[in-house]
């Protein structure tokens, strides 16, 4: 799988929520947390389409 780097800006409130989620999931970084959340979301969405 090819990986692409993407830079995003997020509001402070969203960052705070992502930090909380990162700690709850024992992840190391916010970008890793975003990848996990997106992966979970897309996996659930693809199951609903079946």
C-alpha atoms as a PDB file:
ATOM      1  CA  UNK A   1       0.000   0.000   0.000  1.00  0.00           C
ATOM      2  CA  UNK A   2       1.417   3.363  -1.000  1.00  0.00           C
ATOM      3  CA  UNK A   3       1.426   6.027   1.705  1.00  0.00           C
ATOM      4  CA  UNK A   4       0.934   9.743   1.147  1.00  0.00           C
ATOM      5  CA  UNK A   5       1.717  12.472   3.652  1.00  0.00           C
ATOM      6  CA  UNK A   6      -0.969  15.061   4.264  1.00  0.00           C
ATOM      7  CA  UNK A   7      -0.738  18.126   6.473  1.00  0.00           C
ATOM      8  CA  UNK A   8      -3.943  19.411   8.054  1.00  0.00           C
ATOM      9  CA  UNK A   9      -4.910  22.154  10.445  1.00  0.00           C
ATOM     10  CA  UNK A  10      -7.509  21.437  13.107  1.00  0.00           C
ATOM     11  CA  UNK A  11      -9.214  23.604  15.702  1.00  0.00           C
ATOM     12  CA  UNK A  12      -7.855  23.544  19.243  1.00  0.00           C
ATOM     13  CA  UNK A  13     -11.055  21.860  20.486  1.00  0.00           C
ATOM     14  CA  UNK A  14     -10.602  18.979  18.043  1.00  0.00           C
ATOM     15  CA  UNK A  15      -6.961  18.614  19.028  1.00  0.00           C
ATOM     16  CA  UNK A  16      -7.977  18.387  22.682  1.00  0.00           C
ATOM     17  CA  UNK A  17     -10.474  15.620  21.892  1.00  0.00           C
ATOM     18  CA  UNK A  18      -7.881  13.785  19.794  1.00  0.00           C
ATOM     19  CA  UNK A  19      -5.359  13.999  22.635  1.00  0.00           C
ATOM     20  CA  UNK A  20      -7.922  12.470  24.998  1.00  0.00           C
ATOM     21  CA  UNK A  21      -8.666   9.705  22.479  1.00  0.00           C
ATOM     22  CA  UNK A  22      -4.930   9.129  21.976  1.00  0.00           C
ATOM     23  CA  UNK A  23      -4.445   8.572  25.691  1.00  0.00           C
ATOM     24  CA  UNK A  24      -7.461   6.253  25.941  1.00  0.00           C
ATOM     25  CA  UNK A  25      -6.223   4.119  23.046  1.00  0.00           C
ATOM     26  CA  UNK A  26      -2.580   4.178  24.257  1.00  0.00           C
ATOM     27  CA  UNK A  27      -1.356   5.580  20.935  1.00  0.00           C
ATOM     28  CA  UNK A  28       1.837   7.585  20.555  1.00  0.00           C
ATOM     29  CA  UNK A  29       0.829  10.508  18.347  1.00  0.00           C
ATOM     30  CA  UNK A  30      -2.199  12.491  17.228  1.00  0.00           C
ATOM     31  CA  UNK A  31      -1.608  11.619  13.539  1.00  0.00           C
ATOM     32  CA  UNK A  32      -1.627   7.933  14.496  1.00  0.00           C
ATOM     33  CA  UNK A  33      -4.883   8.513  16.370  1.00  0.00           C
ATOM     34  CA  UNK A  34      -6.430  10.170  13.304  1.00  0.00           C
ATOM     35  CA  UNK A  35      -5.367   7.211  11.121  1.00  0.00           C
ATOM     36  CA  UNK A  36      -6.918   4.710  13.537  1.00  0.00           C
ATOM     37  CA  UNK A  37     -10.183   6.654  13.781  1.00  0.00           C
ATOM     38  CA  UNK A  38     -10.412   7.029   9.994  1.00  0.00           C
ATOM     39  CA  UNK A  39      -9.628   3.360   9.491  1.00  0.00           C
ATOM     40  CA  UNK A  40     -12.352   2.354  11.975  1.00  0.00           C
ATOM     41  CA  UNK A  41     -14.846   4.700  10.333  1.00  0.00           C
ATOM     42  CA  UNK A  42     -14.130   3.531   6.799  1.00  0.00           C
ATOM     43  CA  UNK A  43     -14.253  -0.131   7.846  1.00  0.00           C
ATOM     44  CA  UNK A  44     -17.678   0.386   9.476  1.00  0.00           C
ATOM     45  CA  UNK A  45     -18.931   2.348   6.456  1.00  0.00           C
ATOM     46  CA  UNK A  46     -17.856  -0.381   4.021  1.00  0.00           C
ATOM     47  CA  UNK A  47     -19.666  -3.035   6.116  1.00  0.00           C
ATOM     48  CA  UNK A  48     -22.896  -1.014   5.963  1.00  0.00           C
ATOM     49  CA  UNK A  49     -22.712  -0.886   2.157  1.00  0.00           C
ATOM     50  CA  UNK A  50     -22.641  -4.677   1.843  1.00  0.00           C
END
